[in-house]
Amino acid sequence: MALKVFVDTEFTDFVNPQLISIALVAETGEEFYAELPFDIRRCSDFVRETVVPLLGYSPEAELSLDALYGRITQWLVLVRPTGEEIQLCYDFQTDWDLFSRALEDRVPFWVKGRLVADRINELLRHEFHAKNRLPEHHALNDARGNCYAFRELPPQSAASHA
């Protein structure tokens, strides 16, 4: 059975997104978080007003783009159960695209992307943020919230397809 790891990113804008921060949260509790240098001039108004003020609270999270590939792949190797795949769960396509780009499009063969937007219970996600007093639009908070709110649908029986 594959280990689920939830990814979330923050980025400059939707037109030509530049990665600002990335978080990975394993269903087993391990976490990875990094903030990258970015051009504030490329940020949308929303990002300047909502995302940027949430950055900088963890100086150890600041990484160069060059160091990001090594740090993410090292973390994935450490959390990966021996011989198993990692299911990298994302709720927005840009999260997968920026994750892949951060790995220089060399995603390990044992990491498989999975769009899970329809498996995130929005009420539970909101409850997570409210209960923990964690603002949304911070990559680590959002990845944690998605992990908390993820619900796998039960397999459909053959009878239900009749």
N, C-alpha and C. Protein backbone atom coordinates (compact mmCIF):
# COMPACT_ATOMS: atom_id res chain seq x y z
N MET A 1 0.85 -1.19 0.00
CA MET A 1 0.00 0.00 0.00
C MET A 1 0.89 1.24 0.00
N ALA A 2 0.56 2.20 -0.83
CA ALA A 2 1.37 3.41 -0.99
C ALA A 2 1.18 4.37 0.19
N LEU A 3 2.26 5.02 0.57
CA LEU A 3 2.21 6.07 1.58
C LEU A 3 1.66 7.33 0.93
N LYS A 4 0.67 7.95 1.56
CA LYS A 4 0.13 9.21 1.04
C LYS A 4 0.93 10.37 1.62
N VAL A 5 1.38 11.26 0.73
CA VAL A 5 2.06 12.49 1.10
C VAL A 5 1.30 13.62 0.43
N PHE A 6 0.90 14.61 1.22
CA PHE A 6 0.11 15.73 0.71
C PHE A 6 1.05 16.91 0.43
N VAL A 7 0.93 17.46 -0.76
CA VAL A 7 1.77 18.59 -1.17
C VAL A 7 0.90 19.83 -1.32
N ASP A 8 1.45 20.96 -0.92
CA ASP A 8 0.81 22.24 -1.18
C ASP A 8 1.90 23.24 -1.49
N THR A 9 1.59 24.19 -2.35
CA THR A 9 2.55 25.23 -2.72
C THR A 9 1.89 26.59 -2.64
N GLU A 10 2.72 27.59 -2.49
CA GLU A 10 2.30 28.98 -2.67
C GLU A 10 3.16 29.51 -3.81
N PHE A 11 2.58 30.36 -4.64
CA PHE A 11 3.28 30.82 -5.84
C PHE A 11 2.84 32.23 -6.18
N THR A 12 3.58 32.85 -7.08
CA THR A 12 3.42 34.28 -7.36
C THR A 12 2.10 34.66 -8.01
N ASP A 13 1.69 33.93 -9.03
CA ASP A 13 0.44 34.24 -9.73
C ASP A 13 0.04 33.04 -10.58
N PHE A 14 -1.15 33.12 -11.17
CA PHE A 14 -1.65 31.99 -11.97
C PHE A 14 -1.12 31.99 -13.39
N VAL A 15 -0.71 33.14 -13.91
CA VAL A 15 -0.30 33.23 -15.31
C VAL A 15 1.05 32.55 -15.54
N ASN A 16 2.04 32.92 -14.76
CA ASN A 16 3.38 32.35 -14.87
C ASN A 16 3.91 32.09 -13.46
N PRO A 17 3.40 31.04 -12.81
CA PRO A 17 3.69 30.84 -11.39
C PRO A 17 5.16 30.56 -11.08
N GLN A 18 5.67 31.32 -10.13
CA GLN A 18 7.01 31.09 -9.58
C GLN A 18 6.80 30.58 -8.16
N LEU A 19 7.47 29.49 -7.82
CA LEU A 19 7.32 28.87 -6.51
C LEU A 19 7.83 29.80 -5.41
N ILE A 20 7.00 29.97 -4.38
CA ILE A 20 7.37 30.76 -3.21
C ILE A 20 7.65 29.84 -2.03
N SER A 21 6.76 28.85 -1.82
CA SER A 21 6.96 27.89 -0.72
C SER A 21 6.32 26.57 -1.11
N ILE A 22 6.83 25.51 -0.48
CA ILE A 22 6.32 24.17 -0.74
C ILE A 22 6.33 23.39 0.56
N ALA A 23 5.28 22.59 0.75
CA ALA A 23 5.19 21.74 1.94
C ALA A 23 4.77 20.34 1.53
N LEU A 24 5.32 19.37 2.22
CA LEU A 24 4.96 17.96 2.06
C LEU A 24 4.62 17.43 3.46
N VAL A 25 3.47 16.80 3.58
CA VAL A 25 3.04 16.23 4.86
C VAL A 25 2.63 14.79 4.61
N ALA A 26 3.34 13.86 5.26
CA ALA A 26 3.03 12.44 5.13
C ALA A 26 1.89 12.09 6.07
N GLU A 27 1.09 11.12 5.67
CA GLU A 27 -0.01 10.68 6.52
C GLU A 27 0.50 10.09 7.84
N THR A 28 1.78 9.77 7.89
CA THR A 28 2.40 9.24 9.11
C THR A 28 2.95 10.34 10.01
N GLY A 29 2.83 11.61 9.57
CA GLY A 29 3.19 12.73 10.42
C GLY A 29 4.46 13.49 10.05
N GLU A 30 5.33 12.94 9.24
CA GLU A 30 6.56 13.65 8.86
C GLU A 30 6.20 14.85 7.98
N GLU A 31 7.01 15.91 8.12
CA GLU A 31 6.75 17.14 7.37
C GLU A 31 8.03 17.70 6.76
N PHE A 32 7.85 18.34 5.60
CA PHE A 32 8.92 19.07 4.93
C PHE A 32 8.33 20.43 4.55
N TYR A 33 9.12 21.49 4.77
CA TYR A 33 8.66 22.82 4.39
C TYR A 33 9.86 23.64 3.95
N ALA A 34 9.69 24.38 2.86
CA ALA A 34 10.75 25.25 2.36
C ALA A 34 10.15 26.52 1.78
N GLU A 35 10.89 27.62 1.97
CA GLU A 35 10.56 28.89 1.34
C GLU A 35 11.71 29.26 0.43
N LEU A 36 11.38 29.81 -0.74
CA LEU A 36 12.39 30.11 -1.75
C LEU A 36 12.43 31.60 -2.05
N PRO A 37 13.56 32.06 -2.56
CA PRO A 37 13.61 33.46 -2.99
C PRO A 37 12.65 33.65 -4.17
N PHE A 38 11.98 34.79 -4.20
CA PHE A 38 11.03 35.05 -5.29
C PHE A 38 11.01 36.55 -5.56
N ASP A 39 10.50 36.90 -6.71
CA ASP A 39 10.42 38.29 -7.13
C ASP A 39 9.05 38.84 -6.73
N ILE A 40 9.02 39.70 -5.73
CA ILE A 40 7.76 40.26 -5.23
C ILE A 40 7.00 41.00 -6.32
N ARG A 41 7.70 41.52 -7.32
CA ARG A 41 7.04 42.24 -8.41
C ARG A 41 6.18 41.33 -9.27
N ARG A 42 6.46 40.01 -9.23
CA ARG A 42 5.69 39.05 -10.02
C ARG A 42 4.44 38.58 -9.28
N CYS A 43 4.30 38.97 -8.03
CA CYS A 43 3.18 38.50 -7.21
C CYS A 43 1.88 39.24 -7.53
N SER A 44 0.80 38.50 -7.53
CA SER A 44 -0.52 39.12 -7.65
C SER A 44 -0.80 39.91 -6.37
N ASP A 45 -1.79 40.78 -6.44
CA ASP A 45 -2.17 41.53 -5.24
C ASP A 45 -2.56 40.58 -4.11
N PHE A 46 -3.31 39.54 -4.45
CA PHE A 46 -3.73 38.57 -3.43
C PHE A 46 -2.52 37.96 -2.72
N VAL A 47 -1.53 37.55 -3.48
CA VAL A 47 -0.34 36.94 -2.89
C VAL A 47 0.40 37.94 -2.01
N ARG A 48 0.54 39.17 -2.48
CA ARG A 48 1.22 40.21 -1.67
C ARG A 48 0.48 40.45 -0.35
N GLU A 49 -0.84 40.46 -0.41
CA GLU A 49 -1.64 40.80 0.78
C GLU A 49 -1.86 39.61 1.71
N THR A 50 -1.94 38.39 1.17
CA THR A 50 -2.36 37.24 1.96
C THR A 50 -1.23 36.25 2.24
N VAL A 51 -0.43 35.94 1.24
CA VAL A 51 0.60 34.90 1.37
C VAL A 51 1.89 35.46 1.96
N VAL A 52 2.40 36.53 1.39
CA VAL A 52 3.70 37.07 1.79
C VAL A 52 3.79 37.37 3.30
N PRO A 53 2.74 37.95 3.92
CA PRO A 53 2.85 38.20 5.37
C PRO A 53 3.00 36.94 6.22
N LEU A 54 2.67 35.78 5.67
CA LEU A 54 2.78 34.53 6.42
C LEU A 54 4.16 33.88 6.31
N LEU A 55 5.04 34.45 5.51
CA LEU A 55 6.36 33.88 5.28
C LEU A 55 7.37 34.38 6.30
N GLY A 56 8.48 33.66 6.42
CA GLY A 56 9.62 34.13 7.18
C GLY A 56 9.64 33.79 8.65
N TYR A 57 8.69 32.99 9.12
CA TYR A 57 8.66 32.64 10.54
C TYR A 57 9.61 31.51 10.89
N SER A 58 10.11 30.82 9.88
CA SER A 58 11.05 29.71 10.09
C SER A 58 12.29 29.96 9.25
N PRO A 59 13.28 30.68 9.79
CA PRO A 59 14.49 30.97 8.99
C PRO A 59 15.16 29.71 8.45
N GLU A 60 15.04 28.60 9.17
CA GLU A 60 15.66 27.35 8.70
C GLU A 60 14.94 26.79 7.47
N ALA A 61 13.78 27.31 7.15
CA ALA A 61 13.03 26.84 5.98
C ALA A 61 13.50 27.50 4.69
N GLU A 62 14.29 28.56 4.80
CA GLU A 62 14.74 29.26 3.60
C GLU A 62 15.77 28.44 2.84
N LEU A 63 15.48 28.18 1.57
CA LEU A 63 16.35 27.37 0.72
C LEU A 63 16.53 28.07 -0.62
N SER A 64 17.64 27.77 -1.26
CA SER A 64 17.81 28.23 -2.64
C SER A 64 17.12 27.21 -3.55
N LEU A 65 16.76 27.65 -4.73
CA LEU A 65 16.14 26.74 -5.69
C LEU A 65 17.10 25.60 -6.03
N ASP A 66 18.39 25.88 -6.07
CA ASP A 66 19.39 24.84 -6.36
C ASP A 66 19.41 23.76 -5.29
N ALA A 67 19.19 24.12 -4.03
CA ALA A 67 19.23 23.15 -2.93
C ALA A 67 17.92 22.37 -2.80
N LEU A 68 16.85 22.87 -3.39
CA LEU A 68 15.53 22.28 -3.18
C LEU A 68 15.44 20.84 -3.68
N TYR A 69 15.95 20.55 -4.86
CA TYR A 69 15.89 19.19 -5.40
C TYR A 69 16.48 18.18 -4.42
N GLY A 70 17.67 18.44 -3.94
CA GLY A 70 18.34 17.52 -3.03
C GLY A 70 17.59 17.34 -1.73
N ARG A 71 17.09 18.43 -1.18
CA ARG A 71 16.39 18.35 0.11
C ARG A 71 15.08 17.59 0.00
N ILE A 72 14.31 17.85 -1.07
CA ILE A 72 13.04 17.15 -1.23
C ILE A 72 13.28 15.66 -1.49
N THR A 73 14.19 15.33 -2.40
CA THR A 73 14.41 13.91 -2.70
C THR A 73 14.96 13.18 -1.47
N GLN A 74 15.82 13.83 -0.71
CA GLN A 74 16.34 13.21 0.52
C GLN A 74 15.19 12.94 1.49
N TRP A 75 14.30 13.89 1.67
CA TRP A 75 13.16 13.73 2.57
C TRP A 75 12.26 12.59 2.09
N LEU A 76 11.98 12.54 0.79
CA LEU A 76 11.13 11.48 0.25
C LEU A 76 11.74 10.10 0.50
N VAL A 77 13.05 9.98 0.31
CA VAL A 77 13.73 8.70 0.57
C VAL A 77 13.59 8.31 2.04
N LEU A 78 13.72 9.29 2.93
CA LEU A 78 13.64 9.01 4.36
C LEU A 78 12.25 8.56 4.81
N VAL A 79 11.19 9.13 4.24
CA VAL A 79 9.84 8.77 4.69
C VAL A 79 9.27 7.58 3.93
N ARG A 80 9.86 7.21 2.83
CA ARG A 80 9.33 6.13 2.00
C ARG A 80 9.49 4.79 2.69
N PRO A 81 8.39 4.06 2.86
CA PRO A 81 8.51 2.69 3.37
C PRO A 81 9.28 1.84 2.36
N THR A 82 10.12 0.98 2.84
CA THR A 82 10.97 0.16 1.99
C THR A 82 10.18 -0.52 0.88
N GLY A 83 10.58 -0.26 -0.34
CA GLY A 83 10.00 -0.92 -1.50
C GLY A 83 8.61 -0.46 -1.89
N GLU A 84 8.06 0.52 -1.22
CA GLU A 84 6.70 0.97 -1.53
C GLU A 84 6.71 2.27 -2.32
N GLU A 85 5.58 2.54 -2.95
CA GLU A 85 5.42 3.79 -3.67
C GLU A 85 4.95 4.89 -2.72
N ILE A 86 5.17 6.11 -3.13
CA ILE A 86 4.58 7.26 -2.46
C ILE A 86 3.52 7.82 -3.38
N GLN A 87 2.35 8.05 -2.84
CA GLN A 87 1.26 8.67 -3.58
C GLN A 87 1.27 10.15 -3.19
N LEU A 88 1.72 10.99 -4.10
CA LEU A 88 1.81 12.42 -3.83
C LEU A 88 0.45 13.05 -4.15
N CYS A 89 -0.27 13.42 -3.10
CA CYS A 89 -1.64 13.90 -3.22
C CYS A 89 -1.67 15.42 -3.32
N TYR A 90 -2.36 15.91 -4.34
CA TYR A 90 -2.49 17.36 -4.54
C TYR A 90 -3.94 17.69 -4.86
N ASP A 91 -4.35 18.90 -4.49
CA ASP A 91 -5.73 19.30 -4.74
C ASP A 91 -5.85 20.33 -5.86
N PHE A 92 -4.71 20.69 -6.43
CA PHE A 92 -4.68 21.71 -7.49
C PHE A 92 -3.53 21.37 -8.42
N GLN A 93 -3.77 21.34 -9.71
CA GLN A 93 -2.76 20.90 -10.68
C GLN A 93 -1.45 21.67 -10.57
N THR A 94 -1.51 22.95 -10.29
CA THR A 94 -0.30 23.75 -10.20
C THR A 94 0.61 23.24 -9.08
N ASP A 95 0.05 22.67 -8.01
CA ASP A 95 0.88 22.09 -6.95
C ASP A 95 1.75 20.97 -7.50
N TRP A 96 1.16 20.09 -8.30
CA TRP A 96 1.94 19.00 -8.90
C TRP A 96 2.98 19.57 -9.88
N ASP A 97 2.56 20.52 -10.70
CA ASP A 97 3.46 21.10 -11.69
C ASP A 97 4.68 21.74 -11.02
N LEU A 98 4.46 22.49 -9.94
CA LEU A 98 5.57 23.16 -9.26
C LEU A 98 6.42 22.15 -8.49
N PHE A 99 5.81 21.11 -7.93
CA PHE A 99 6.57 20.05 -7.28
C PHE A 99 7.50 19.39 -8.30
N SER A 100 6.94 19.04 -9.45
CA SER A 100 7.71 18.40 -10.51
C SER A 100 8.84 19.31 -10.99
N ARG A 101 8.54 20.58 -11.16
CA ARG A 101 9.56 21.54 -11.58
C ARG A 101 10.65 21.68 -10.52
N ALA A 102 10.27 21.66 -9.23
CA ALA A 102 11.26 21.74 -8.14
C ALA A 102 12.21 20.55 -8.19
N LEU A 103 11.70 19.42 -8.69
CA LEU A 103 12.55 18.23 -8.85
C LEU A 103 13.15 18.16 -10.24
N GLU A 104 13.19 19.30 -10.91
CA GLU A 104 13.79 19.41 -12.23
C GLU A 104 13.20 18.38 -13.20
N ASP A 105 11.91 18.11 -13.03
CA ASP A 105 11.17 17.12 -13.84
C ASP A 105 11.79 15.72 -13.75
N ARG A 106 12.47 15.45 -12.63
CA ARG A 106 13.05 14.11 -12.39
C ARG A 106 12.40 13.50 -11.15
N VAL A 107 11.08 13.42 -11.17
CA VAL A 107 10.34 12.83 -10.06
C VAL A 107 10.70 11.34 -10.00
N PRO A 108 11.10 10.83 -8.82
CA PRO A 108 11.45 9.41 -8.73
C PRO A 108 10.30 8.53 -9.23
N PHE A 109 10.63 7.42 -9.86
CA PHE A 109 9.62 6.54 -10.44
C PHE A 109 8.65 6.00 -9.40
N TRP A 110 9.05 5.98 -8.16
CA TRP A 110 8.21 5.44 -7.09
C TRP A 110 7.33 6.51 -6.44
N VAL A 111 7.34 7.72 -6.99
CA VAL A 111 6.44 8.79 -6.55
C VAL A 111 5.39 8.99 -7.63
N LYS A 112 4.14 8.75 -7.30
CA LYS A 112 3.04 8.87 -8.26
C LYS A 112 2.11 9.99 -7.83
N GLY A 113 1.82 10.90 -8.73
CA GLY A 113 0.90 12.00 -8.43
C GLY A 113 -0.54 11.53 -8.42
N ARG A 114 -1.33 12.14 -7.54
CA ARG A 114 -2.76 11.80 -7.47
C ARG A 114 -3.56 13.07 -7.13
N LEU A 115 -4.45 13.44 -8.03
CA LEU A 115 -5.34 14.56 -7.79
C LEU A 115 -6.43 14.11 -6.81
N VAL A 116 -6.51 14.78 -5.66
CA VAL A 116 -7.44 14.36 -4.61
C VAL A 116 -8.45 15.45 -4.23
N ALA A 117 -8.63 16.44 -5.07
CA ALA A 117 -9.53 17.55 -4.73
C ALA A 117 -10.92 17.05 -4.33
N ASP A 118 -11.40 16.00 -4.99
CA ASP A 118 -12.73 15.48 -4.68
C ASP A 118 -12.74 14.57 -3.44
N ARG A 119 -11.60 14.40 -2.80
CA ARG A 119 -11.50 13.58 -1.58
C ARG A 119 -11.19 14.43 -0.34
N ILE A 120 -11.09 15.75 -0.54
CA ILE A 120 -10.84 16.66 0.58
C ILE A 120 -12.20 17.16 1.08
N ASN A 121 -12.52 16.84 2.31
CA ASN A 121 -13.76 17.30 2.92
C ASN A 121 -13.55 18.75 3.37
N GLU A 122 -14.22 19.67 2.68
CA GLU A 122 -14.01 21.10 2.94
C GLU A 122 -14.41 21.50 4.36
N LEU A 123 -15.42 20.88 4.91
CA LEU A 123 -15.80 21.19 6.30
C LEU A 123 -14.70 20.77 7.27
N LEU A 124 -14.13 19.60 7.05
CA LEU A 124 -13.03 19.15 7.91
C LEU A 124 -11.79 20.02 7.74
N ARG A 125 -11.53 20.43 6.51
CA ARG A 125 -10.36 21.29 6.26
C ARG A 125 -10.54 22.63 6.98
N HIS A 126 -11.72 23.20 6.89
CA HIS A 126 -12.00 24.46 7.59
C HIS A 126 -11.90 24.26 9.10
N GLU A 127 -12.44 23.14 9.60
CA GLU A 127 -12.36 22.82 11.03
C GLU A 127 -10.90 22.74 11.49
N PHE A 128 -10.06 22.11 10.69
CA PHE A 128 -8.64 21.98 11.03
C PHE A 128 -7.99 23.35 11.22
N HIS A 129 -8.19 24.24 10.28
CA HIS A 129 -7.60 25.58 10.35
C HIS A 129 -8.15 26.36 11.55
N ALA A 130 -9.47 26.28 11.77
CA ALA A 130 -10.09 27.02 12.87
C ALA A 130 -9.65 26.46 14.22
N LYS A 131 -9.70 25.15 14.38
CA LYS A 131 -9.36 24.51 15.65
C LYS A 131 -7.90 24.76 16.04
N ASN A 132 -7.02 24.77 15.05
CA ASN A 132 -5.59 24.96 15.31
C ASN A 132 -5.13 26.41 15.17
N ARG A 133 -6.07 27.29 14.85
CA ARG A 133 -5.78 28.73 14.67
C ARG A 133 -4.62 28.93 13.69
N LEU A 134 -4.70 28.22 12.56
CA LEU A 134 -3.68 28.30 11.53
C LEU A 134 -4.27 28.97 10.30
N PRO A 135 -3.67 30.05 9.84
CA PRO A 135 -4.22 30.73 8.66
C PRO A 135 -4.04 29.88 7.40
N GLU A 136 -5.02 30.02 6.51
CA GLU A 136 -4.92 29.37 5.20
C GLU A 136 -3.94 30.15 4.32
N HIS A 137 -3.57 29.56 3.21
CA HIS A 137 -2.66 30.15 2.22
C HIS A 137 -1.22 30.21 2.73
N HIS A 138 -0.89 29.29 3.61
CA HIS A 138 0.49 29.01 4.00
C HIS A 138 0.66 27.54 3.63
N ALA A 139 1.67 27.22 2.83
CA ALA A 139 1.79 25.87 2.26
C ALA A 139 1.76 24.77 3.32
N LEU A 140 2.47 24.95 4.42
CA LEU A 140 2.50 23.90 5.44
C LEU A 140 1.14 23.74 6.12
N ASN A 141 0.51 24.85 6.47
CA ASN A 141 -0.82 24.77 7.07
C ASN A 141 -1.82 24.09 6.14
N ASP A 142 -1.76 24.45 4.86
CA ASP A 142 -2.71 23.89 3.90
C ASP A 142 -2.45 22.41 3.62
N ALA A 143 -1.19 22.00 3.55
CA ALA A 143 -0.88 20.58 3.37
C ALA A 143 -1.34 19.78 4.59
N ARG A 144 -1.13 20.32 5.78
CA ARG A 144 -1.61 19.66 7.00
C ARG A 144 -3.14 19.55 6.98
N GLY A 145 -3.79 20.64 6.59
CA GLY A 145 -5.25 20.64 6.53
C GLY A 145 -5.79 19.63 5.53
N ASN A 146 -5.14 19.51 4.37
CA ASN A 146 -5.57 18.54 3.37
C ASN A 146 -5.36 17.11 3.87
N CYS A 147 -4.26 16.88 4.54
CA CYS A 147 -4.00 15.55 5.11
C CYS A 147 -5.10 15.20 6.12
N TYR A 148 -5.43 16.14 6.97
CA TYR A 148 -6.46 15.94 7.99
C TYR A 148 -7.83 15.69 7.36
N ALA A 149 -8.15 16.42 6.30
CA ALA A 149 -9.49 16.39 5.71
C ALA A 149 -9.66 15.36 4.61
N PHE A 150 -8.61 14.64 4.27
CA PHE A 150 -8.68 13.64 3.19
C PHE A 150 -9.54 12.46 3.65
N ARG A 151 -10.44 12.04 2.80
CA ARG A 151 -11.26 10.86 3.05
C ARG A 151 -11.31 10.02 1.79
N GLU A 152 -10.85 8.79 1.89
CA GLU A 152 -10.92 7.87 0.75
C GLU A 152 -12.34 7.38 0.61
N LEU A 153 -12.84 7.33 -0.60
CA LEU A 153 -14.18 6.80 -0.83
C LEU A 153 -14.10 5.28 -0.79
N PRO A 154 -15.14 4.65 -0.24
CA PRO A 154 -15.13 3.18 -0.24
C PRO A 154 -15.21 2.66 -1.66
N PRO A 155 -14.60 1.51 -1.91
CA PRO A 155 -14.66 0.95 -3.27
C PRO A 155 -16.11 0.65 -3.64
N GLN A 156 -16.42 0.89 -4.91
CA GLN A 156 -17.79 0.63 -5.38
C GLN A 156 -17.94 -0.86 -5.64
N SER A 157 -19.06 -1.38 -5.25
CA SER A 157 -19.31 -2.81 -5.51
C SER A 157 -19.82 -2.96 -6.94
N ALA A 158 -19.68 -4.18 -7.46
CA ALA A 158 -20.15 -4.48 -8.81
C ALA A 158 -21.66 -4.25 -8.93
N ALA A 159 -22.39 -4.50 -7.83
CA ALA A 159 -23.84 -4.35 -7.85
C ALA A 159 -24.26 -2.89 -8.06
N SER A 160 -23.44 -1.95 -7.58
CA SER A 160 -23.81 -0.55 -7.72
C SER A 160 -23.66 -0.04 -9.15
N HIS A 161 -22.99 -0.81 -9.99
CA HIS A 161 -22.82 -0.40 -11.39
C HIS A 161 -23.92 -0.97 -12.29
N ALA A 162 -24.81 -1.76 -11.74
CA ALA A 162 -25.85 -2.42 -12.55
C ALA A 162 -26.97 -1.48 -12.92
